[in-house]
């Protein structure tokens, strides 16, 4: 008798599930995911609770990986410019996949019918805003932002512009998405950005 195969972790299953969702799209069935993972639908429900909960977990994992790719090794000399460049790059990369950036309704259109679903979606947004605000704190410390700017509000505006620019391009995918996103984000931060020449004058 062959030894029983060790049960795969949730992280391993989610990594596989991400690929299935990318391949088949947001209407992918639980049975299709289960078949690709080599499990029964009943076993997946036992592990994750429901199709909606599984897809929410898929999205949370995608968000986590997305944040890691955005925040990794940002240029400390120019954190603001590096953030905008990274967000534009990530948007362009994701345009080539069947993915929207951090939109829970894409995977689970019914999420908004429950209070818990709305709270989870809001928390995902706040996580991105938190990370963007941390970069803006670094930008302010580097003298890149005007004094007394509400960095939390600016981080929220950056997140809205980022997702909005991506989705606007998706309706009419003409030209370079990377250019569109970078342009829109630069417009948001322009009123609060301190130019290098101004920083040099202040330091004297």
N, C-alpha and C. Protein backbone atom coordinates (compact mmCIF):
# COMPACT_ATOMS: atom_id res chain seq x y z
N UNK A 1 0.85 -1.19 0.00
CA UNK A 1 0.00 0.00 0.00
C UNK A 1 0.88 1.24 0.00
N UNK A 2 0.63 2.18 -0.94
CA UNK A 2 1.47 3.38 -1.03
C UNK A 2 1.14 4.32 0.11
N UNK A 3 2.15 5.05 0.60
CA UNK A 3 1.90 5.98 1.70
C UNK A 3 0.93 7.07 1.27
N UNK A 4 0.10 7.53 2.20
CA UNK A 4 -0.88 8.57 1.92
C UNK A 4 -0.17 9.88 1.62
N UNK A 5 -0.56 10.52 0.52
CA UNK A 5 0.07 11.78 0.13
C UNK A 5 -0.26 12.88 1.14
N UNK A 6 0.76 13.62 1.51
CA UNK A 6 0.54 14.72 2.46
C UNK A 6 -0.44 15.73 1.87
N UNK A 7 -1.35 16.18 2.71
CA UNK A 7 -2.36 17.13 2.25
C UNK A 7 -1.72 18.46 1.90
N UNK A 8 -2.13 19.01 0.77
CA UNK A 8 -1.58 20.28 0.36
C UNK A 8 -2.10 21.42 1.22
N UNK A 9 -1.27 22.43 1.43
CA UNK A 9 -1.66 23.57 2.25
C UNK A 9 -2.65 24.45 1.48
N UNK A 10 -3.34 25.31 2.22
CA UNK A 10 -4.24 26.27 1.57
C UNK A 10 -3.48 27.14 0.58
N UNK A 11 -2.27 27.53 0.93
CA UNK A 11 -1.47 28.39 0.05
C UNK A 11 -1.17 27.69 -1.27
N UNK A 12 -0.85 26.40 -1.21
CA UNK A 12 -0.60 25.64 -2.43
C UNK A 12 -1.85 25.56 -3.29
N UNK A 13 -2.98 25.31 -2.65
CA UNK A 13 -4.24 25.21 -3.39
C UNK A 13 -4.61 26.56 -4.02
N UNK A 14 -4.41 27.63 -3.28
CA UNK A 14 -4.75 28.96 -3.81
C UNK A 14 -3.85 29.34 -4.98
N UNK A 15 -2.58 28.97 -4.90
CA UNK A 15 -1.67 29.25 -6.01
C UNK A 15 -2.15 28.57 -7.28
N UNK A 16 -2.65 27.33 -7.16
CA UNK A 16 -3.20 26.62 -8.31
C UNK A 16 -4.52 27.25 -8.74
N UNK A 17 -5.35 27.62 -7.76
CA UNK A 17 -6.66 28.19 -8.07
C UNK A 17 -6.54 29.51 -8.83
N UNK A 18 -5.53 30.30 -8.50
CA UNK A 18 -5.29 31.56 -9.23
C UNK A 18 -5.12 31.28 -10.71
N UNK A 19 -4.34 30.26 -11.03
CA UNK A 19 -4.09 29.93 -12.44
C UNK A 19 -5.37 29.47 -13.14
N UNK A 20 -6.22 28.74 -12.39
CA UNK A 20 -7.48 28.28 -12.98
C UNK A 20 -8.40 29.46 -13.27
N UNK A 21 -8.49 30.40 -12.33
CA UNK A 21 -9.34 31.58 -12.52
C UNK A 21 -8.83 32.40 -13.70
N UNK A 22 -7.52 32.54 -13.81
CA UNK A 22 -6.97 33.27 -14.95
C UNK A 22 -7.33 32.59 -16.26
N UNK A 23 -7.33 31.27 -16.25
CA UNK A 23 -7.56 30.53 -17.49
C UNK A 23 -9.02 30.57 -17.92
N UNK A 24 -9.94 30.45 -16.94
CA UNK A 24 -11.35 30.30 -17.29
C UNK A 24 -12.19 31.55 -17.03
N UNK A 25 -11.65 32.52 -16.30
CA UNK A 25 -12.40 33.75 -16.09
C UNK A 25 -13.23 33.74 -14.81
N UNK A 26 -13.92 34.86 -14.52
CA UNK A 26 -14.61 35.03 -13.24
C UNK A 26 -15.80 34.12 -13.04
N UNK A 27 -16.34 33.55 -14.13
CA UNK A 27 -17.49 32.66 -14.00
C UNK A 27 -17.09 31.20 -13.83
N UNK A 28 -15.83 30.97 -13.57
CA UNK A 28 -15.36 29.60 -13.40
C UNK A 28 -16.14 28.91 -12.29
N UNK A 29 -16.47 27.66 -12.52
CA UNK A 29 -17.27 26.92 -11.54
C UNK A 29 -16.38 26.28 -10.47
N UNK A 30 -16.99 25.99 -9.35
CA UNK A 30 -16.27 25.29 -8.29
C UNK A 30 -15.81 23.93 -8.77
N UNK A 31 -16.66 23.27 -9.58
CA UNK A 31 -16.30 21.95 -10.10
C UNK A 31 -15.07 22.02 -10.99
N UNK A 32 -14.96 23.10 -11.79
CA UNK A 32 -13.81 23.26 -12.67
C UNK A 32 -12.53 23.48 -11.86
N UNK A 33 -12.62 24.30 -10.83
CA UNK A 33 -11.46 24.53 -9.98
C UNK A 33 -11.05 23.24 -9.28
N UNK A 34 -12.05 22.55 -8.75
CA UNK A 34 -11.76 21.30 -8.03
C UNK A 34 -11.09 20.28 -8.94
N UNK A 35 -11.59 20.17 -10.17
CA UNK A 35 -11.01 19.20 -11.11
C UNK A 35 -9.56 19.53 -11.41
N UNK A 36 -9.26 20.80 -11.61
CA UNK A 36 -7.88 21.19 -11.90
C UNK A 36 -6.97 20.99 -10.69
N UNK A 37 -7.54 21.07 -9.50
CA UNK A 37 -6.75 20.89 -8.29
C UNK A 37 -6.67 19.42 -7.86
N UNK A 38 -7.43 18.57 -8.55
CA UNK A 38 -7.43 17.15 -8.21
C UNK A 38 -8.18 16.84 -6.93
N UNK A 39 -9.19 17.66 -6.62
CA UNK A 39 -10.00 17.46 -5.43
C UNK A 39 -11.47 17.41 -5.82
N UNK A 40 -12.30 17.01 -4.89
CA UNK A 40 -13.74 17.05 -5.12
C UNK A 40 -14.27 18.43 -4.72
N UNK A 41 -15.42 18.80 -5.29
CA UNK A 41 -16.05 20.08 -4.90
C UNK A 41 -16.36 20.09 -3.41
N UNK A 42 -16.79 18.94 -2.88
CA UNK A 42 -17.12 18.86 -1.46
C UNK A 42 -15.89 19.12 -0.59
N UNK A 43 -14.73 18.65 -1.06
CA UNK A 43 -13.50 18.86 -0.28
C UNK A 43 -13.10 20.34 -0.29
N UNK A 44 -13.28 20.99 -1.44
CA UNK A 44 -12.97 22.42 -1.51
C UNK A 44 -13.89 23.22 -0.59
N UNK A 45 -15.17 22.86 -0.58
CA UNK A 45 -16.11 23.56 0.30
C UNK A 45 -15.74 23.34 1.75
N UNK A 46 -15.30 22.11 2.06
CA UNK A 46 -14.86 21.81 3.43
C UNK A 46 -13.67 22.69 3.81
N UNK A 47 -12.76 22.91 2.86
CA UNK A 47 -11.56 23.70 3.15
C UNK A 47 -11.84 25.20 3.21
N UNK A 48 -12.69 25.71 2.28
CA UNK A 48 -12.84 27.15 2.15
C UNK A 48 -14.24 27.68 2.45
N UNK A 49 -15.23 26.80 2.56
CA UNK A 49 -16.56 27.25 2.97
C UNK A 49 -17.57 27.36 1.85
N UNK A 50 -17.18 27.93 0.70
CA UNK A 50 -18.08 28.11 -0.42
C UNK A 50 -17.26 28.58 -1.61
N UNK A 51 -17.90 28.60 -2.79
CA UNK A 51 -17.22 29.13 -3.97
C UNK A 51 -16.84 30.58 -3.74
N UNK A 52 -17.77 31.36 -3.18
CA UNK A 52 -17.49 32.78 -2.93
C UNK A 52 -16.31 32.98 -2.00
N UNK A 53 -16.24 32.17 -0.94
CA UNK A 53 -15.13 32.29 0.01
C UNK A 53 -13.82 31.87 -0.64
N UNK A 54 -13.87 30.84 -1.47
CA UNK A 54 -12.66 30.42 -2.17
C UNK A 54 -12.16 31.51 -3.10
N UNK A 55 -13.06 32.13 -3.87
CA UNK A 55 -12.65 33.18 -4.79
C UNK A 55 -12.18 34.42 -4.04
N UNK A 56 -12.78 34.68 -2.88
CA UNK A 56 -12.29 35.79 -2.04
C UNK A 56 -10.87 35.50 -1.57
N UNK A 57 -10.60 34.25 -1.21
CA UNK A 57 -9.24 33.88 -0.78
C UNK A 57 -8.26 33.98 -1.95
N UNK A 58 -8.72 33.61 -3.16
CA UNK A 58 -7.89 33.76 -4.35
C UNK A 58 -7.53 35.23 -4.54
N UNK A 59 -8.51 36.10 -4.38
CA UNK A 59 -8.26 37.52 -4.58
C UNK A 59 -7.34 38.09 -3.50
N UNK A 60 -7.55 37.67 -2.26
CA UNK A 60 -6.69 38.14 -1.19
C UNK A 60 -5.24 37.75 -1.44
N UNK A 61 -5.04 36.53 -1.93
CA UNK A 61 -3.68 36.10 -2.26
C UNK A 61 -3.11 36.93 -3.40
N UNK A 62 -3.94 37.19 -4.43
CA UNK A 62 -3.49 38.01 -5.55
C UNK A 62 -3.14 39.42 -5.08
N UNK A 63 -3.95 39.98 -4.19
CA UNK A 63 -3.66 41.31 -3.64
C UNK A 63 -2.33 41.31 -2.91
N UNK A 64 -2.10 40.26 -2.12
CA UNK A 64 -0.87 40.18 -1.33
C UNK A 64 0.35 40.14 -2.24
N UNK A 65 0.27 39.32 -3.28
CA UNK A 65 1.38 39.22 -4.22
C UNK A 65 1.56 40.53 -4.99
N UNK A 66 0.45 41.17 -5.31
CA UNK A 66 0.50 42.43 -6.03
C UNK A 66 1.18 43.50 -5.19
N UNK A 67 0.80 43.58 -3.92
CA UNK A 67 1.44 44.55 -3.03
C UNK A 67 2.93 44.28 -2.88
N UNK A 68 3.29 43.02 -2.80
CA UNK A 68 4.71 42.66 -2.68
C UNK A 68 5.49 43.15 -3.90
N UNK A 69 4.90 42.97 -5.08
CA UNK A 69 5.60 43.39 -6.30
C UNK A 69 5.68 44.91 -6.40
N UNK A 70 4.67 45.60 -5.88
CA UNK A 70 4.68 47.06 -5.93
C UNK A 70 5.68 47.65 -4.95
N UNK A 71 5.72 47.08 -3.74
CA UNK A 71 6.49 47.69 -2.66
C UNK A 71 7.94 47.23 -2.60
N UNK A 72 8.29 46.20 -3.34
CA UNK A 72 9.64 45.65 -3.23
C UNK A 72 10.70 46.61 -3.76
N UNK A 73 11.67 46.93 -2.93
CA UNK A 73 12.86 47.67 -3.33
C UNK A 73 12.55 48.97 -4.07
N UNK A 74 11.62 49.76 -3.54
CA UNK A 74 11.35 51.07 -4.13
C UNK A 74 12.58 51.96 -3.95
N UNK A 75 12.85 52.77 -4.95
CA UNK A 75 14.00 53.67 -4.91
C UNK A 75 13.87 54.62 -3.73
N UNK A 76 14.78 54.52 -2.78
CA UNK A 76 14.68 55.36 -1.59
C UNK A 76 15.01 56.83 -1.88
N UNK A 77 15.75 57.09 -2.93
CA UNK A 77 16.07 58.48 -3.29
C UNK A 77 14.87 59.17 -3.92
N UNK A 78 14.00 58.39 -4.56
CA UNK A 78 12.82 58.95 -5.23
C UNK A 78 11.64 58.01 -5.01
N UNK A 79 11.16 57.87 -3.77
CA UNK A 79 10.10 56.91 -3.49
C UNK A 79 8.80 57.21 -4.23
N UNK A 80 8.48 58.50 -4.41
CA UNK A 80 7.24 58.86 -5.08
C UNK A 80 7.29 58.48 -6.56
N UNK A 81 8.38 58.84 -7.22
CA UNK A 81 8.54 58.49 -8.63
C UNK A 81 8.58 56.99 -8.82
N UNK A 82 9.24 56.29 -7.89
CA UNK A 82 9.34 54.84 -7.99
C UNK A 82 7.98 54.18 -7.82
N UNK A 83 7.16 54.71 -6.91
CA UNK A 83 5.82 54.16 -6.70
C UNK A 83 4.97 54.32 -7.95
N UNK A 84 4.99 55.50 -8.55
CA UNK A 84 4.20 55.73 -9.76
C UNK A 84 4.66 54.83 -10.89
N UNK A 85 5.96 54.70 -11.04
CA UNK A 85 6.50 53.83 -12.09
C UNK A 85 6.08 52.38 -11.86
N UNK A 86 6.13 51.93 -10.60
CA UNK A 86 5.77 50.55 -10.30
C UNK A 86 4.28 50.31 -10.53
N UNK A 87 3.44 51.26 -10.13
CA UNK A 87 1.99 51.10 -10.33
C UNK A 87 1.65 51.05 -11.81
N UNK A 88 2.31 51.87 -12.61
CA UNK A 88 2.07 51.86 -14.06
C UNK A 88 2.53 50.53 -14.67
N UNK A 89 3.66 50.04 -14.20
CA UNK A 89 4.19 48.77 -14.71
C UNK A 89 3.27 47.61 -14.36
N UNK A 90 2.79 47.58 -13.11
CA UNK A 90 1.89 46.52 -12.67
C UNK A 90 0.58 46.55 -13.44
N UNK A 91 0.05 47.74 -13.68
CA UNK A 91 -1.19 47.86 -14.45
C UNK A 91 -1.01 47.29 -15.85
N UNK A 92 0.10 47.64 -16.49
CA UNK A 92 0.37 47.15 -17.84
C UNK A 92 0.50 45.63 -17.84
N UNK A 93 1.20 45.09 -16.84
CA UNK A 93 1.38 43.64 -16.77
C UNK A 93 0.05 42.93 -16.58
N UNK A 94 -0.81 43.49 -15.73
CA UNK A 94 -2.08 42.85 -15.46
C UNK A 94 -3.07 43.00 -16.60
N UNK A 95 -2.86 43.98 -17.47
CA UNK A 95 -3.74 44.14 -18.62
C UNK A 95 -3.63 42.95 -19.56
N UNK A 96 -2.52 42.23 -19.49
CA UNK A 96 -2.31 41.08 -20.36
C UNK A 96 -2.95 39.81 -19.81
N UNK A 97 -3.56 39.92 -18.61
CA UNK A 97 -4.18 38.77 -17.99
C UNK A 97 -5.66 39.04 -17.79
N UNK A 98 -6.40 37.99 -17.51
CA UNK A 98 -7.81 38.16 -17.20
C UNK A 98 -7.93 38.50 -15.72
N UNK A 99 -7.54 39.73 -15.41
CA UNK A 99 -7.49 40.18 -14.03
C UNK A 99 -7.87 41.65 -13.96
N UNK A 100 -8.62 42.03 -12.96
CA UNK A 100 -8.78 43.44 -12.63
C UNK A 100 -8.03 43.68 -11.34
N UNK A 101 -7.66 44.92 -11.12
CA UNK A 101 -6.85 45.23 -9.95
C UNK A 101 -7.72 45.43 -8.72
N UNK A 102 -7.70 44.44 -7.84
CA UNK A 102 -8.34 44.56 -6.53
C UNK A 102 -9.81 44.92 -6.63
N UNK A 103 -10.58 44.24 -7.48
CA UNK A 103 -12.02 44.46 -7.57
C UNK A 103 -12.73 43.18 -7.19
N UNK A 104 -13.26 43.11 -5.97
CA UNK A 104 -13.83 41.86 -5.50
C UNK A 104 -15.06 41.46 -6.30
N UNK A 105 -15.78 42.43 -6.88
CA UNK A 105 -16.97 42.06 -7.64
C UNK A 105 -16.61 41.26 -8.89
N UNK A 106 -15.35 41.33 -9.31
CA UNK A 106 -14.91 40.59 -10.49
C UNK A 106 -15.00 39.09 -10.23
N UNK A 107 -14.61 38.69 -9.03
CA UNK A 107 -14.64 37.27 -8.67
C UNK A 107 -15.96 36.86 -8.03
N UNK A 108 -16.52 37.72 -7.23
CA UNK A 108 -17.72 37.37 -6.48
C UNK A 108 -18.71 38.52 -6.54
N UNK A 109 -19.55 38.59 -7.62
CA UNK A 109 -20.46 39.72 -7.77
C UNK A 109 -21.43 39.89 -6.62
N UNK A 110 -21.65 38.84 -5.84
CA UNK A 110 -22.59 38.93 -4.74
C UNK A 110 -21.98 39.41 -3.44
N UNK A 111 -20.72 39.82 -3.46
CA UNK A 111 -20.07 40.15 -2.18
C UNK A 111 -20.75 41.32 -1.47
N UNK A 112 -21.33 42.24 -2.23
CA UNK A 112 -21.90 43.44 -1.63
C UNK A 112 -23.25 43.21 -0.96
N UNK A 113 -23.79 42.01 -1.10
CA UNK A 113 -25.09 41.76 -0.48
C UNK A 113 -24.95 41.40 0.98
N UNK A 114 -23.75 41.19 1.46
CA UNK A 114 -23.53 40.88 2.87
C UNK A 114 -22.64 41.94 3.50
N UNK A 115 -22.90 42.23 4.76
CA UNK A 115 -22.09 43.20 5.48
C UNK A 115 -20.64 42.73 5.56
N UNK A 116 -20.45 41.43 5.79
CA UNK A 116 -19.09 40.89 5.89
C UNK A 116 -18.35 41.07 4.57
N UNK A 117 -19.03 40.83 3.46
CA UNK A 117 -18.40 40.98 2.15
C UNK A 117 -17.96 42.40 1.89
N UNK A 118 -18.81 43.36 2.25
CA UNK A 118 -18.47 44.77 2.07
C UNK A 118 -17.27 45.14 2.94
N UNK A 119 -17.27 44.67 4.17
CA UNK A 119 -16.15 44.97 5.07
C UNK A 119 -14.84 44.40 4.55
N UNK A 120 -14.89 43.20 4.02
CA UNK A 120 -13.67 42.58 3.48
C UNK A 120 -13.16 43.35 2.27
N UNK A 121 -14.08 43.77 1.40
CA UNK A 121 -13.68 44.55 0.23
C UNK A 121 -13.06 45.88 0.67
N UNK A 122 -13.67 46.51 1.66
CA UNK A 122 -13.14 47.78 2.17
C UNK A 122 -11.76 47.59 2.79
N UNK A 123 -11.57 46.49 3.50
CA UNK A 123 -10.28 46.23 4.13
C UNK A 123 -9.20 46.05 3.08
N UNK A 124 -9.52 45.41 1.96
CA UNK A 124 -8.53 45.24 0.89
C UNK A 124 -8.13 46.60 0.33
N UNK A 125 -9.11 47.48 0.17
CA UNK A 125 -8.79 48.84 -0.31
C UNK A 125 -7.90 49.55 0.70
N UNK A 126 -8.25 49.46 1.98
CA UNK A 126 -7.49 50.16 3.02
C UNK A 126 -6.06 49.63 3.11
N UNK A 127 -5.86 48.35 2.81
CA UNK A 127 -4.50 47.80 2.83
C UNK A 127 -3.63 48.48 1.79
N UNK A 128 -4.16 48.67 0.58
CA UNK A 128 -3.41 49.37 -0.45
C UNK A 128 -3.15 50.82 -0.04
N UNK A 129 -4.18 51.48 0.50
CA UNK A 129 -4.02 52.87 0.92
C UNK A 129 -2.95 52.97 2.01
N UNK A 130 -2.94 52.03 2.94
CA UNK A 130 -1.92 52.03 4.00
C UNK A 130 -0.51 51.98 3.42
N UNK A 131 -0.31 51.10 2.44
CA UNK A 131 1.03 50.95 1.86
C UNK A 131 1.42 52.20 1.07
N UNK A 132 0.47 52.76 0.33
CA UNK A 132 0.77 53.97 -0.43
C UNK A 132 1.09 55.13 0.52
N UNK A 133 0.36 55.20 1.62
CA UNK A 133 0.62 56.26 2.60
C UNK A 133 2.02 56.13 3.20
N UNK A 134 2.46 54.89 3.41
CA UNK A 134 3.81 54.66 3.94
C UNK A 134 4.87 55.18 2.96
N UNK A 135 4.63 54.98 1.66
CA UNK A 135 5.57 55.50 0.66
C UNK A 135 5.54 57.03 0.67
N UNK A 136 4.36 57.61 0.80
CA UNK A 136 4.26 59.07 0.84
C UNK A 136 4.95 59.63 2.08
N UNK A 137 4.91 58.90 3.18
CA UNK A 137 5.67 59.32 4.37
C UNK A 137 7.16 59.40 4.05
N UNK A 138 7.65 58.40 3.32
CA UNK A 138 9.06 58.39 2.93
C UNK A 138 9.36 59.54 1.97
N UNK A 139 8.41 59.81 1.07
CA UNK A 139 8.59 60.91 0.12
C UNK A 139 8.64 62.25 0.86
N UNK A 140 7.80 62.40 1.87
CA UNK A 140 7.80 63.64 2.65
C UNK A 140 9.11 63.80 3.40
N UNK A 141 9.61 62.69 3.97
CA UNK A 141 10.89 62.74 4.68
C UNK A 141 12.03 63.08 3.74
N UNK A 142 11.89 62.71 2.45
CA UNK A 142 12.92 63.02 1.46
C UNK A 142 12.74 64.41 0.86
N UNK A 143 11.73 65.16 1.35
CA UNK A 143 11.50 66.51 0.86
C UNK A 143 10.80 66.57 -0.48
N UNK A 144 10.11 65.50 -0.87
CA UNK A 144 9.44 65.46 -2.16
C UNK A 144 8.03 66.04 -2.14
N UNK A 145 7.45 66.18 -0.94
CA UNK A 145 6.08 66.67 -0.83
C UNK A 145 6.02 67.98 -0.08
N UNK A 146 5.04 68.81 -0.43
CA UNK A 146 4.85 70.08 0.26
C UNK A 146 4.50 69.83 1.72
N UNK A 147 4.87 70.75 2.60
CA UNK A 147 4.58 70.56 4.03
C UNK A 147 3.07 70.49 4.30
N UNK A 148 2.71 69.74 5.31
CA UNK A 148 1.33 69.66 5.81
C UNK A 148 0.33 69.04 4.84
N UNK A 149 0.79 68.38 3.79
CA UNK A 149 -0.14 67.69 2.91
C UNK A 149 -0.76 66.50 3.65
N UNK A 150 -2.04 66.27 3.45
CA UNK A 150 -2.72 65.14 4.07
C UNK A 150 -2.31 63.89 3.29
N UNK A 151 -1.31 63.19 3.80
CA UNK A 151 -0.74 62.08 3.04
C UNK A 151 -1.71 60.90 2.96
N UNK A 152 -2.55 60.72 3.97
CA UNK A 152 -3.54 59.64 3.91
C UNK A 152 -4.55 59.92 2.79
N UNK A 153 -5.01 61.15 2.70
CA UNK A 153 -5.97 61.52 1.65
C UNK A 153 -5.32 61.39 0.27
N UNK A 154 -4.06 61.78 0.17
CA UNK A 154 -3.35 61.67 -1.10
C UNK A 154 -3.15 60.21 -1.48
N UNK A 155 -2.88 59.36 -0.50
CA UNK A 155 -2.74 57.92 -0.78
C UNK A 155 -4.05 57.35 -1.30
N UNK A 156 -5.15 57.78 -0.72
CA UNK A 156 -6.46 57.31 -1.17
C UNK A 156 -6.73 57.78 -2.60
N UNK A 157 -6.38 59.03 -2.89
CA UNK A 157 -6.58 59.55 -4.24
C UNK A 157 -5.73 58.80 -5.26
N UNK A 158 -4.50 58.43 -4.86
CA UNK A 158 -3.65 57.65 -5.75
C UNK A 158 -4.27 56.28 -6.05
N UNK A 159 -4.83 55.64 -5.02
CA UNK A 159 -5.44 54.34 -5.23
C UNK A 159 -6.65 54.45 -6.17
N UNK A 160 -7.48 55.47 -5.96
CA UNK A 160 -8.65 55.67 -6.81
C UNK A 160 -8.22 55.95 -8.25
N UNK A 161 -7.22 56.80 -8.42
CA UNK A 161 -6.73 57.12 -9.76
C UNK A 161 -6.13 55.90 -10.44
N UNK A 162 -5.41 55.11 -9.68
CA UNK A 162 -4.76 53.92 -10.23
C UNK A 162 -5.79 52.93 -10.77
N UNK A 163 -6.75 52.56 -9.91
CA UNK A 163 -7.78 51.60 -10.32
C UNK A 163 -8.68 52.22 -11.39
N UNK A 164 -9.02 53.50 -11.23
CA UNK A 164 -9.89 54.16 -12.20
C UNK A 164 -9.24 54.28 -13.56
N UNK A 165 -7.97 54.61 -13.60
CA UNK A 165 -7.26 54.73 -14.87
C UNK A 165 -7.20 53.39 -15.58
N UNK A 166 -6.93 52.34 -14.81
CA UNK A 166 -6.88 50.98 -15.37
C UNK A 166 -8.23 50.60 -15.97
N UNK A 167 -9.31 50.83 -15.23
CA UNK A 167 -10.63 50.43 -15.70
C UNK A 167 -11.10 51.28 -16.86
N UNK A 168 -10.76 52.58 -16.85
CA UNK A 168 -11.13 53.43 -17.98
C UNK A 168 -10.46 52.93 -19.26
N UNK A 169 -9.19 52.54 -19.15
CA UNK A 169 -8.48 52.00 -20.32
C UNK A 169 -9.11 50.70 -20.78
N UNK A 170 -9.59 49.89 -19.84
CA UNK A 170 -10.18 48.60 -20.18
C UNK A 170 -11.43 48.76 -21.05
N UNK A 171 -12.17 49.88 -20.87
CA UNK A 171 -13.34 50.13 -21.70
C UNK A 171 -12.94 50.49 -23.12
N UNK A 172 -11.82 51.15 -23.28
CA UNK A 172 -11.34 51.56 -24.61
C UNK A 172 -9.84 51.35 -24.66
N UNK A 173 -9.38 50.12 -24.84
CA UNK A 173 -7.95 49.80 -24.74
C UNK A 173 -7.13 50.27 -25.94
N UNK A 174 -6.95 51.57 -26.01
CA UNK A 174 -6.15 52.15 -27.08
C UNK A 174 -4.92 52.83 -26.46
N UNK A 175 -3.80 52.75 -27.15
CA UNK A 175 -2.58 53.37 -26.64
C UNK A 175 -1.95 52.57 -25.52
N UNK A 176 -1.00 53.19 -24.86
CA UNK A 176 -0.23 52.53 -23.81
C UNK A 176 -0.91 52.68 -22.46
N UNK A 177 -1.31 51.57 -21.85
CA UNK A 177 -1.89 51.64 -20.51
C UNK A 177 -0.86 52.17 -19.52
N UNK A 178 0.38 51.76 -19.67
CA UNK A 178 1.42 52.23 -18.75
C UNK A 178 1.51 53.75 -18.78
N UNK A 179 1.49 54.33 -19.98
CA UNK A 179 1.56 55.78 -20.13
C UNK A 179 0.33 56.45 -19.51
N UNK A 180 -0.86 55.86 -19.74
CA UNK A 180 -2.10 56.45 -19.21
C UNK A 180 -2.08 56.48 -17.69
N UNK A 181 -1.70 55.36 -17.08
CA UNK A 181 -1.69 55.28 -15.62
C UNK A 181 -0.66 56.25 -15.04
N UNK A 182 0.54 56.26 -15.60
CA UNK A 182 1.58 57.16 -15.08
C UNK A 182 1.15 58.62 -15.21
N UNK A 183 0.52 58.97 -16.33
CA UNK A 183 0.05 60.35 -16.54
C UNK A 183 -0.99 60.73 -15.50
N UNK A 184 -1.97 59.83 -15.25
CA UNK A 184 -3.04 60.15 -14.30
C UNK A 184 -2.51 60.25 -12.88
N UNK A 185 -1.58 59.38 -12.51
CA UNK A 185 -1.02 59.43 -11.16
C UNK A 185 -0.16 60.68 -10.97
N UNK A 186 0.60 61.03 -11.99
CA UNK A 186 1.41 62.26 -11.90
C UNK A 186 0.52 63.48 -11.73
N UNK A 187 -0.63 63.50 -12.41
CA UNK A 187 -1.55 64.62 -12.29
C UNK A 187 -2.07 64.74 -10.86
N UNK A 188 -2.33 63.61 -10.21
CA UNK A 188 -2.83 63.62 -8.84
C UNK A 188 -1.81 64.20 -7.88
N UNK A 189 -0.55 63.82 -8.04
CA UNK A 189 0.48 64.25 -7.08
C UNK A 189 1.11 65.60 -7.43
N UNK A 190 0.93 66.08 -8.65
CA UNK A 190 1.62 67.30 -9.11
C UNK A 190 1.44 68.49 -8.18
N UNK A 191 0.23 68.76 -7.66
CA UNK A 191 0.08 69.94 -6.79
C UNK A 191 0.86 69.84 -5.48
N UNK A 192 1.27 68.66 -5.12
CA UNK A 192 1.92 68.45 -3.82
C UNK A 192 3.38 68.07 -3.95
N UNK A 193 3.86 67.96 -5.16
CA UNK A 193 5.24 67.53 -5.38
C UNK A 193 6.18 68.73 -5.30
N UNK A 194 7.28 68.58 -4.59
CA UNK A 194 8.32 69.60 -4.53
C UNK A 194 9.38 69.25 -5.55
N UNK A 195 9.64 70.16 -6.45
CA UNK A 195 10.62 69.91 -7.51
C UNK A 195 12.04 69.91 -6.94
N UNK A 196 12.97 69.21 -7.57
CA UNK A 196 14.35 69.13 -7.05
C UNK A 196 14.98 70.49 -6.82
N UNK A 197 14.74 71.46 -7.71
CA UNK A 197 15.34 72.78 -7.55
C UNK A 197 14.85 73.45 -6.28
N UNK A 198 13.55 73.26 -5.96
CA UNK A 198 12.99 73.83 -4.74
C UNK A 198 13.59 73.19 -3.51
N UNK A 199 13.83 71.89 -3.58
CA UNK A 199 14.43 71.19 -2.43
C UNK A 199 15.84 71.69 -2.17
N UNK A 200 16.59 71.96 -3.25
CA UNK A 200 17.97 72.45 -3.07
C UNK A 200 17.97 73.83 -2.42
N UNK A 201 17.02 74.69 -2.80
CA UNK A 201 16.96 76.04 -2.22
C UNK A 201 16.64 75.97 -0.73
N UNK A 202 15.75 75.03 -0.37
CA UNK A 202 15.38 74.90 1.04
C UNK A 202 16.52 74.41 1.90
N UNK A 203 17.35 73.59 1.31
CA UNK A 203 18.44 72.98 2.09
C UNK A 203 19.59 73.96 2.33
N UNK A 204 19.60 75.08 1.61
CA UNK A 204 20.69 76.05 1.79
C UNK A 204 20.52 76.87 3.05
